[in-house]
Amino acid sequence: MFYSDSILTKKGALSSIWLAAHWDRKLSKQQITQTDIEASVEILKESVGPVALRISGHLLLGVVKIYWRKTKYLLDDCNDAFMKIKLVMKM
């Protein structure tokens, strides 16, 4: 395999990305919001050794899923705030 074992360990830098790619339901909202997408992509770009195309594809899928969930959480928060403002303005 073309990857560093330290990247995909349970406490590794890309562990939440790997879980998002394969078992996205296992990640909590807190784990999603704490994941830094920019840092994860930098780790992918500057990996120590060559990374297999399949593994890099899985990791990029994980980045996209985490980004999607973060934007979904933001949309939900904005909708809640909008509804509360709308409710206050009716009074």
PDB file of N, CA and C in Angstrom:
ATOM      1  N   MET A   1       0.835  -1.182   0.000  1.00  0.00           N
ATOM      2  CA  MET A   1       0.000   0.000   0.000  1.00  0.00           C
ATOM      3  C   MET A   1       0.875   1.238   0.000  1.00  0.00           C
ATOM      4  N   PHE A   2       0.374   2.264  -0.633  1.00  0.00           N
ATOM      5  CA  PHE A   2       1.091   3.514  -0.704  1.00  0.00           C
ATOM      6  C   PHE A   2       0.460   4.535   0.238  1.00  0.00           C
ATOM      7  N   TYR A   3       0.702   4.391   1.524  1.00  0.00           N
ATOM      8  CA  TYR A   3       0.242   5.383   2.475  1.00  0.00           C
ATOM      9  C   TYR A   3       1.029   5.230   3.764  1.00  0.00           C
ATOM     10  N   SER A   4       1.035   6.296   4.534  1.00  0.00           N
ATOM     11  CA  SER A   4       1.704   6.276   5.819  1.00  0.00           C
ATOM     12  C   SER A   4       0.724   5.751   6.861  1.00  0.00           C
ATOM     13  N   ASP A   5       1.185   4.823   7.686  1.00  0.00           N
ATOM     14  CA  ASP A   5       0.314   4.270   8.722  1.00  0.00           C
ATOM     15  C   ASP A   5      -0.119   5.322   9.730  1.00  0.00           C
ATOM     16  N   SER A   6       0.686   6.348   9.915  1.00  0.00           N
ATOM     17  CA  SER A   6       0.341   7.377  10.895  1.00  0.00           C
ATOM     18  C   SER A   6      -0.838   8.229  10.451  1.00  0.00           C
ATOM     19  N   ILE A   7      -1.150   8.255   9.172  1.00  0.00           N
ATOM     20  CA  ILE A   7      -2.257   9.078   8.675  1.00  0.00           C
ATOM     21  C   ILE A   7      -3.599   8.454   9.023  1.00  0.00           C
ATOM     22  N   LEU A   8      -3.721   7.158   8.891  1.00  0.00           N
ATOM     23  CA  LEU A   8      -5.020   6.506   9.024  1.00  0.00           C
ATOM     24  C   LEU A   8      -5.240   5.815  10.370  1.00  0.00           C
ATOM     25  N   THR A   9      -4.438   6.096  11.380  1.00  0.00           N
ATOM     26  CA  THR A   9      -4.661   5.503  12.693  1.00  0.00           C
ATOM     27  C   THR A   9      -5.870   6.136  13.353  1.00  0.00           C
ATOM     28  N   LYS A  10      -6.331   5.532  14.450  1.00  0.00           N
ATOM     29  CA  LYS A  10      -7.513   6.049  15.140  1.00  0.00           C
ATOM     30  C   LYS A  10      -7.313   7.471  15.643  1.00  0.00           C
ATOM     31  N   LYS A  11      -6.133   7.812  16.040  1.00  0.00           N
ATOM     32  CA  LYS A  11      -5.833   9.155  16.534  1.00  0.00           C
ATOM     33  C   LYS A  11      -5.063   9.963  15.497  1.00  0.00           C
ATOM     34  N   GLY A  12      -5.049   9.502  14.266  1.00  0.00           N
ATOM     35  CA  GLY A  12      -4.301  10.167  13.214  1.00  0.00           C
ATOM     36  C   GLY A  12      -4.953  11.455  12.762  1.00  0.00           C
ATOM     37  N   ALA A  13      -4.223  12.173  11.929  1.00  0.00           N
ATOM     38  CA  ALA A  13      -4.689  13.474  11.459  1.00  0.00           C
ATOM     39  C   ALA A  13      -5.920  13.365  10.576  1.00  0.00           C
ATOM     40  N   LEU A  14      -6.070  12.272   9.867  1.00  0.00           N
ATOM     41  CA  LEU A  14      -7.171  12.121   8.926  1.00  0.00           C
ATOM     42  C   LEU A  14      -8.178  11.055   9.340  1.00  0.00           C
ATOM     43  N   SER A  15      -8.215  10.727  10.616  1.00  0.00           N
ATOM     44  CA  SER A  15      -9.106   9.659  11.063  1.00  0.00           C
ATOM     45  C   SER A  15     -10.573  10.026  10.874  1.00  0.00           C
ATOM     46  N   SER A  16     -10.946  11.266  11.191  1.00  0.00           N
ATOM     47  CA  SER A  16     -12.346  11.656  11.013  1.00  0.00           C
ATOM     48  C   SER A  16     -12.714  11.735   9.532  1.00  0.00           C
ATOM     49  N   ILE A  17     -11.734  12.088   8.689  1.00  0.00           N
ATOM     50  CA  ILE A  17     -11.972  12.126   7.245  1.00  0.00           C
ATOM     51  C   ILE A  17     -12.233  10.714   6.731  1.00  0.00           C
ATOM     52  N   TRP A  18     -11.439   9.773   7.197  1.00  0.00           N
ATOM     53  CA  TRP A  18     -11.605   8.373   6.778  1.00  0.00           C
ATOM     54  C   TRP A  18     -12.950   7.828   7.247  1.00  0.00           C
ATOM     55  N   LEU A  19     -13.336   8.146   8.493  1.00  0.00           N
ATOM     56  CA  LEU A  19     -14.631   7.693   8.992  1.00  0.00           C
ATOM     57  C   LEU A  19     -15.780   8.331   8.214  1.00  0.00           C
ATOM     58  N   ALA A  20     -15.631   9.586   7.838  1.00  0.00           N
ATOM     59  CA  ALA A  20     -16.685  10.255   7.064  1.00  0.00           C
ATOM     60  C   ALA A  20     -16.852   9.615   5.698  1.00  0.00           C
ATOM     61  N   ALA A  21     -15.772   9.134   5.130  1.00  0.00           N
ATOM     62  CA  ALA A  21     -15.850   8.506   3.818  1.00  0.00           C
ATOM     63  C   ALA A  21     -16.542   7.155   3.879  1.00  0.00           C
ATOM     64  N   HIS A  22     -16.372   6.434   4.982  1.00  0.00           N
ATOM     65  CA  HIS A  22     -16.874   5.066   5.047  1.00  0.00           C
ATOM     66  C   HIS A  22     -18.072   4.889   5.968  1.00  0.00           C
ATOM     67  N   TRP A  23     -18.042   5.506   7.155  1.00  0.00           N
ATOM     68  CA  TRP A  23     -19.124   5.369   8.125  1.00  0.00           C
ATOM     69  C   TRP A  23     -19.503   6.752   8.632  1.00  0.00           C
ATOM     70  N   ASP A  24     -20.110   7.539   7.767  1.00  0.00           N
ATOM     71  CA  ASP A  24     -20.394   8.921   8.132  1.00  0.00           C
ATOM     72  C   ASP A  24     -21.415   9.044   9.256  1.00  0.00           C
ATOM     73  N   ARG A  25     -22.206   8.035   9.506  1.00  0.00           N
ATOM     74  CA  ARG A  25     -23.180   8.072  10.605  1.00  0.00           C
ATOM     75  C   ARG A  25     -22.503   7.934  11.968  1.00  0.00           C
ATOM     76  N   LYS A  26     -21.281   7.419  12.011  1.00  0.00           N
ATOM     77  CA  LYS A  26     -20.587   7.239  13.281  1.00  0.00           C
ATOM     78  C   LYS A  26     -20.035   8.545  13.842  1.00  0.00           C
ATOM     79  N   LEU A  27     -19.903   9.550  13.009  1.00  0.00           N
ATOM     80  CA  LEU A  27     -19.339  10.809  13.464  1.00  0.00           C
ATOM     81  C   LEU A  27     -20.419  11.676  14.101  1.00  0.00           C
ATOM     82  N   SER A  28     -20.078  12.249  15.247  1.00  0.00           N
ATOM     83  CA  SER A  28     -21.023  13.139  15.916  1.00  0.00           C
ATOM     84  C   SER A  28     -20.907  14.547  15.346  1.00  0.00           C
ATOM     85  N   LYS A  29     -21.861  15.379  15.719  1.00  0.00           N
ATOM     86  CA  LYS A  29     -21.847  16.759  15.247  1.00  0.00           C
ATOM     87  C   LYS A  29     -20.608  17.484  15.759  1.00  0.00           C
ATOM     88  N   GLN A  30     -20.215  17.179  16.977  1.00  0.00           N
ATOM     89  CA  GLN A  30     -19.026  17.805  17.552  1.00  0.00           C
ATOM     90  C   GLN A  30     -17.764  17.416  16.786  1.00  0.00           C
ATOM     91  N   GLN A  31     -17.644  16.162  16.410  1.00  0.00           N
ATOM     92  CA  GLN A  31     -16.478  15.730  15.635  1.00  0.00           C
ATOM     93  C   GLN A  31     -16.460  16.388  14.262  1.00  0.00           C
ATOM     94  N   ILE A  32     -17.627  16.547  13.669  1.00  0.00           N
ATOM     95  CA  ILE A  32     -17.707  17.191  12.354  1.00  0.00           C
ATOM     96  C   ILE A  32     -17.280  18.648  12.451  1.00  0.00           C
ATOM     97  N   THR A  33     -17.807  19.367  13.440  1.00  0.00           N
ATOM     98  CA  THR A  33     -17.492  20.785  13.546  1.00  0.00           C
ATOM     99  C   THR A  33     -16.051  21.033  13.964  1.00  0.00           C
ATOM    100  N   GLN A  34     -15.432  20.098  14.657  1.00  0.00           N
ATOM    101  CA  GLN A  34     -14.046  20.273  15.076  1.00  0.00           C
ATOM    102  C   GLN A  34     -13.048  19.933  13.978  1.00  0.00           C
ATOM    103  N   THR A  35     -13.480  19.270  12.944  1.00  0.00           N
ATOM    104  CA  THR A  35     -12.576  18.888  11.859  1.00  0.00           C
ATOM    105  C   THR A  35     -12.222  20.116  11.031  1.00  0.00           C
ATOM    106  N   ASP A  36     -10.939  20.347  10.873  1.00  0.00           N
ATOM    107  CA  ASP A  36     -10.453  21.467  10.081  1.00  0.00           C
ATOM    108  C   ASP A  36     -10.197  20.972   8.661  1.00  0.00           C
ATOM    109  N   ILE A  37     -11.031  21.427   7.745  1.00  0.00           N
ATOM    110  CA  ILE A  37     -10.960  20.948   6.367  1.00  0.00           C
ATOM    111  C   ILE A  37      -9.676  21.416   5.692  1.00  0.00           C
ATOM    112  N   GLU A  38      -9.308  22.664   5.909  1.00  0.00           N
ATOM    113  CA  GLU A  38      -8.102  23.199   5.270  1.00  0.00           C
ATOM    114  C   GLU A  38      -6.849  22.444   5.713  1.00  0.00           C
ATOM    115  N   ALA A  39      -6.754  22.161   7.003  1.00  0.00           N
ATOM    116  CA  ALA A  39      -5.590  21.431   7.509  1.00  0.00           C
ATOM    117  C   ALA A  39      -5.567  20.003   6.959  1.00  0.00           C
ATOM    118  N   SER A  40      -6.735  19.391   6.842  1.00  0.00           N
ATOM    119  CA  SER A  40      -6.804  18.026   6.317  1.00  0.00           C
ATOM    120  C   SER A  40      -6.360  17.972   4.862  1.00  0.00           C
ATOM    121  N   VAL A  41      -6.779  18.947   4.077  1.00  0.00           N
ATOM    122  CA  VAL A  41      -6.378  18.973   2.674  1.00  0.00           C
ATOM    123  C   VAL A  41      -4.881  19.236   2.555  1.00  0.00           C
ATOM    124  N   GLU A  42      -4.338  20.079   3.418  1.00  0.00           N
ATOM    125  CA  GLU A  42      -2.891  20.325   3.409  1.00  0.00           C
ATOM    126  C   GLU A  42      -2.119  19.052   3.739  1.00  0.00           C
ATOM    127  N   ILE A  43      -2.623  18.283   4.686  1.00  0.00           N
ATOM    128  CA  ILE A  43      -1.967  17.016   5.025  1.00  0.00           C
ATOM    129  C   ILE A  43      -2.007  16.080   3.826  1.00  0.00           C
ATOM    130  N   LEU A  44      -3.124  16.062   3.119  1.00  0.00           N
ATOM    131  CA  LEU A  44      -3.225  15.221   1.918  1.00  0.00           C
ATOM    132  C   LEU A  44      -2.242  15.668   0.843  1.00  0.00           C
ATOM    133  N   LYS A  45      -2.135  16.972   0.651  1.00  0.00           N
ATOM    134  CA  LYS A  45      -1.249  17.493  -0.390  1.00  0.00           C
ATOM    135  C   LYS A  45       0.222  17.256  -0.061  1.00  0.00           C
ATOM    136  N   GLU A  46       0.564  17.395   1.195  1.00  0.00           N
ATOM    137  CA  GLU A  46       1.967  17.301   1.596  1.00  0.00           C
ATOM    138  C   GLU A  46       2.271  15.993   2.306  1.00  0.00           C
ATOM    139  N   SER A  47       1.682  14.900   1.872  1.00  0.00           N
ATOM    140  CA  SER A  47       1.938  13.614   2.508  1.00  0.00           C
ATOM    141  C   SER A  47       3.400  13.220   2.319  1.00  0.00           C
ATOM    142  N   VAL A  48       3.884  12.456   3.281  1.00  0.00           N
ATOM    143  CA  VAL A  48       5.301  12.080   3.307  1.00  0.00           C
ATOM    144  C   VAL A  48       5.682  11.233   2.114  1.00  0.00           C
ATOM    145  N   GLY A  49       4.912  10.234   1.832  1.00  0.00           N
ATOM    146  CA  GLY A  49       5.210   9.334   0.729  1.00  0.00           C
ATOM    147  C   GLY A  49       4.090   9.348  -0.283  1.00  0.00           C
ATOM    148  N   PRO A  50       4.221   8.525  -1.283  1.00  0.00           N
ATOM    149  CA  PRO A  50       3.145   8.455  -2.273  1.00  0.00           C
ATOM    150  C   PRO A  50       1.894   7.820  -1.667  1.00  0.00           C
ATOM    151  N   VAL A  51       0.754   8.320  -2.065  1.00  0.00           N
ATOM    152  CA  VAL A  51      -0.525   7.797  -1.588  1.00  0.00           C
ATOM    153  C   VAL A  51      -1.247   7.183  -2.781  1.00  0.00           C
ATOM    154  N   ALA A  52      -1.771   5.999  -2.592  1.00  0.00           N
ATOM    155  CA  ALA A  52      -2.475   5.319  -3.678  1.00  0.00           C
ATOM    156  C   ALA A  52      -3.681   6.140  -4.111  1.00  0.00           C
ATOM    157  N   LEU A  53      -4.004   6.052  -5.362  1.00  0.00           N
ATOM    158  CA  LEU A  53      -5.091   6.827  -5.927  1.00  0.00           C
ATOM    159  C   LEU A  53      -6.423   6.478  -5.270  1.00  0.00           C
ATOM    160  N   ARG A  54      -6.634   5.226  -4.981  1.00  0.00           N
ATOM    161  CA  ARG A  54      -7.880   4.802  -4.349  1.00  0.00           C
ATOM    162  C   ARG A  54      -8.026   5.393  -2.952  1.00  0.00           C
ATOM    163  N   ILE A  55      -6.948   5.381  -2.183  1.00  0.00           N
ATOM    164  CA  ILE A  55      -6.986   5.931  -0.828  1.00  0.00           C
ATOM    165  C   ILE A  55      -7.175   7.439  -0.867  1.00  0.00           C
ATOM    166  N   SER A  56      -6.495   8.117  -1.765  1.00  0.00           N
ATOM    167  CA  SER A  56      -6.673   9.565  -1.855  1.00  0.00           C
ATOM    168  C   SER A  56      -8.094   9.907  -2.308  1.00  0.00           C
ATOM    169  N   GLY A  57      -8.679   9.080  -3.150  1.00  0.00           N
ATOM    170  CA  GLY A  57     -10.065   9.282  -3.553  1.00  0.00           C
ATOM    171  C   GLY A  57     -11.026   9.129  -2.388  1.00  0.00           C
ATOM    172  N   HIS A  58     -10.796   8.113  -1.541  1.00  0.00           N
ATOM    173  CA  HIS A  58     -11.630   7.920  -0.360  1.00  0.00           C
ATOM    174  C   HIS A  58     -11.496   9.100   0.592  1.00  0.00           C
ATOM    175  N   LEU A  59     -10.278   9.568   0.781  1.00  0.00           N
ATOM    176  CA  LEU A  59     -10.056  10.688   1.687  1.00  0.00           C
ATOM    177  C   LEU A  59     -10.693  11.970   1.157  1.00  0.00           C
ATOM    178  N   LEU A  60     -10.634  12.186  -0.146  1.00  0.00           N
ATOM    179  CA  LEU A  60     -11.288  13.359  -0.717  1.00  0.00           C
ATOM    180  C   LEU A  60     -12.806  13.256  -0.601  1.00  0.00           C
ATOM    181  N   LEU A  61     -13.348  12.064  -0.725  1.00  0.00           N
ATOM    182  CA  LEU A  61     -14.778  11.861  -0.509  1.00  0.00           C
ATOM    183  C   LEU A  61     -15.149  12.203   0.932  1.00  0.00           C
ATOM    184  N   GLY A  62     -14.305  11.810   1.876  1.00  0.00           N
ATOM    185  CA  GLY A  62     -14.536  12.154   3.278  1.00  0.00           C
ATOM    186  C   GLY A  62     -14.516  13.654   3.510  1.00  0.00           C
ATOM    187  N   VAL A  63     -13.607  14.353   2.843  1.00  0.00           N
ATOM    188  CA  VAL A  63     -13.550  15.817   2.966  1.00  0.00           C
ATOM    189  C   VAL A  63     -14.838  16.430   2.447  1.00  0.00           C
ATOM    190  N   VAL A  64     -15.323  15.936   1.328  1.00  0.00           N
ATOM    191  CA  VAL A  64     -16.555  16.477   0.745  1.00  0.00           C
ATOM    192  C   VAL A  64     -17.751  16.201   1.650  1.00  0.00           C
ATOM    193  N   LYS A  65     -17.820  15.014   2.236  1.00  0.00           N
ATOM    194  CA  LYS A  65     -18.939  14.692   3.121  1.00  0.00           C
ATOM    195  C   LYS A  65     -18.919  15.563   4.371  1.00  0.00           C
ATOM    196  N   ILE A  66     -17.741  15.809   4.925  1.00  0.00           N
ATOM    197  CA  ILE A  66     -17.655  16.665   6.103  1.00  0.00           C
ATOM    198  C   ILE A  66     -18.019  18.093   5.739  1.00  0.00           C
ATOM    199  N   TYR A  67     -17.574  18.571   4.600  1.00  0.00           N
ATOM    200  CA  TYR A  67     -17.931  19.917   4.155  1.00  0.00           C
ATOM    201  C   TYR A  67     -19.442  20.035   3.948  1.00  0.00           C
ATOM    202  N   TRP A  68     -20.052  19.017   3.371  1.00  0.00           N
ATOM    203  CA  TRP A  68     -21.493  19.022   3.153  1.00  0.00           C
ATOM    204  C   TRP A  68     -22.252  19.076   4.469  1.00  0.00           C
ATOM    205  N   ARG A  69     -21.806  18.280   5.442  1.00  0.00           N
ATOM    206  CA  ARG A  69     -22.486  18.279   6.738  1.00  0.00           C
ATOM    207  C   ARG A  69     -22.305  19.609   7.454  1.00  0.00           C
ATOM    208  N   LYS A  70     -21.132  20.230   7.324  1.00  0.00           N
ATOM    209  CA  LYS A  70     -20.917  21.535   7.949  1.00  0.00           C
ATOM    210  C   LYS A  70     -21.832  22.584   7.333  1.00  0.00           C
ATOM    211  N   THR A  71     -21.976  22.561   6.026  1.00  0.00           N
ATOM    212  CA  THR A  71     -22.869  23.533   5.389  1.00  0.00           C
ATOM    213  C   THR A  71     -24.324  23.258   5.746  1.00  0.00           C
ATOM    214  N   LYS A  72     -24.685  22.003   5.919  1.00  0.00           N
ATOM    215  CA  LYS A  72     -26.046  21.655   6.332  1.00  0.00           C
ATOM    216  C   LYS A  72     -26.323  22.186   7.739  1.00  0.00           C
ATOM    217  N   TYR A  73     -25.360  22.041   8.647  1.00  0.00           N
ATOM    218  CA  TYR A  73     -25.529  22.571   9.993  1.00  0.00           C
ATOM    219  C   TYR A  73     -25.666  24.092   9.970  1.00  0.00           C
ATOM    220  N   LEU A  74     -24.896  24.754   9.131  1.00  0.00           N
ATOM    221  CA  LEU A  74     -24.986  26.204   9.006  1.00  0.00           C
ATOM    222  C   LEU A  74     -26.347  26.618   8.465  1.00  0.00           C
ATOM    223  N   LEU A  75     -26.851  25.919   7.461  1.00  0.00           N
ATOM    224  CA  LEU A  75     -28.164  26.221   6.907  1.00  0.00           C
ATOM    225  C   LEU A  75     -29.258  26.027   7.954  1.00  0.00           C
ATOM    226  N   ASP A  76     -29.176  24.962   8.725  1.00  0.00           N
ATOM    227  CA  ASP A  76     -30.162  24.727   9.781  1.00  0.00           C
ATOM    228  C   ASP A  76     -30.140  25.841  10.824  1.00  0.00           C
ATOM    229  N   ASP A  77     -28.943  26.260  11.221  1.00  0.00           N
ATOM    230  CA  ASP A  77     -28.823  27.345  12.192  1.00  0.00           C
ATOM    231  C   ASP A  77     -29.388  28.652  11.635  1.00  0.00           C
ATOM    232  N   CYS A  78     -29.114  28.938  10.373  1.00  0.00           N
ATOM    233  CA  CYS A  78     -29.641  30.151   9.745  1.00  0.00           C
ATOM    234  C   CYS A  78     -31.156  30.113   9.649  1.00  0.00           C
ATOM    235  N   ASN A  79     -31.704  28.969   9.306  1.00  0.00           N
ATOM    236  CA  ASN A  79     -33.164  28.838   9.235  1.00  0.00           C
ATOM    237  C   ASN A  79     -33.806  29.014  10.607  1.00  0.00           C
ATOM    238  N   ASP A  80     -33.185  28.460  11.651  1.00  0.00           N
ATOM    239  CA  ASP A  80     -33.706  28.635  13.008  1.00  0.00           C
ATOM    240  C   ASP A  80     -33.673  30.109  13.416  1.00  0.00           C
ATOM    241  N   ALA A  81     -32.557  30.776  13.128  1.00  0.00           N
ATOM    242  CA  ALA A  81     -32.457  32.193  13.462  1.00  0.00           C
ATOM    243  C   ALA A  81     -33.492  33.004  12.686  1.00  0.00           C
ATOM    244  N   PHE A  82     -33.690  32.693  11.415  1.00  0.00           N
ATOM    245  CA  PHE A  82     -34.676  33.396  10.596  1.00  0.00           C
ATOM    246  C   PHE A  82     -36.084  33.219  11.148  1.00  0.00           C
ATOM    247  N   MET A  83     -36.416  31.998  11.542  1.00  0.00           N
ATOM    248  CA  MET A  83     -37.748  31.745  12.087  1.00  0.00           C
ATOM    249  C   MET A  83     -37.949  32.482  13.408  1.00  0.00           C
ATOM    250  N   LYS A  84     -36.921  32.555  14.239  1.00  0.00           N
ATOM    251  CA  LYS A  84     -37.041  33.278  15.508  1.00  0.00           C
ATOM    252  C   LYS A  84     -37.202  34.773  15.265  1.00  0.00           C
ATOM    253  N   ILE A  85     -36.473  35.322  14.302  1.00  0.00           N
ATOM    254  CA  ILE A  85     -36.611  36.740  13.966  1.00  0.00           C
ATOM    255  C   ILE A  85     -38.002  37.006  13.415  1.00  0.00           C
ATOM    256  N   LYS A  86     -38.485  36.130  12.577  1.00  0.00           N
ATOM    257  CA  LYS A  86     -39.816  36.268  12.000  1.00  0.00           C
ATOM    258  C   LYS A  86     -40.885  36.231  13.081  1.00  0.00           C
ATOM    259  N   LEU A  87     -40.704  35.353  14.059  1.00  0.00           N
ATOM    260  CA  LEU A  87     -41.656  35.229  15.166  1.00  0.00           C
ATOM    261  C   LEU A  87     -41.665  36.497  16.027  1.00  0.00           C
ATOM    262  N   VAL A  88     -40.510  37.070  16.280  1.00  0.00           N
ATOM    263  CA  VAL A  88     -40.397  38.280  17.075  1.00  0.00           C
ATOM    264  C   VAL A  88     -41.005  39.474  16.341  1.00  0.00           C
ATOM    265  N   MET A  89     -40.826  39.518  15.028  1.00  0.00           N
ATOM    266  CA  MET A  89     -41.343  40.636  14.243  1.00  0.00           C
ATOM    267  C   MET A  89     -42.876  40.608  14.148  1.00  0.00           C
ATOM    268  N   LYS A  90     -43.495  39.453  14.303  1.00  0.00           N
ATOM    269  CA  LYS A  90     -44.948  39.363  14.276  1.00  0.00           C
ATOM    270  C   LYS A  90     -45.565  40.006  15.501  1.00  0.00           C
ATOM    271  N   MET A  91     -44.870  39.956  16.626  1.00  0.00           N
ATOM    272  CA  MET A  91     -45.398  40.483  17.874  1.00  0.00           C
ATOM    273  C   MET A  91     -45.418  41.948  17.836  1.00  0.00           C
TER     274      MET A  91
END
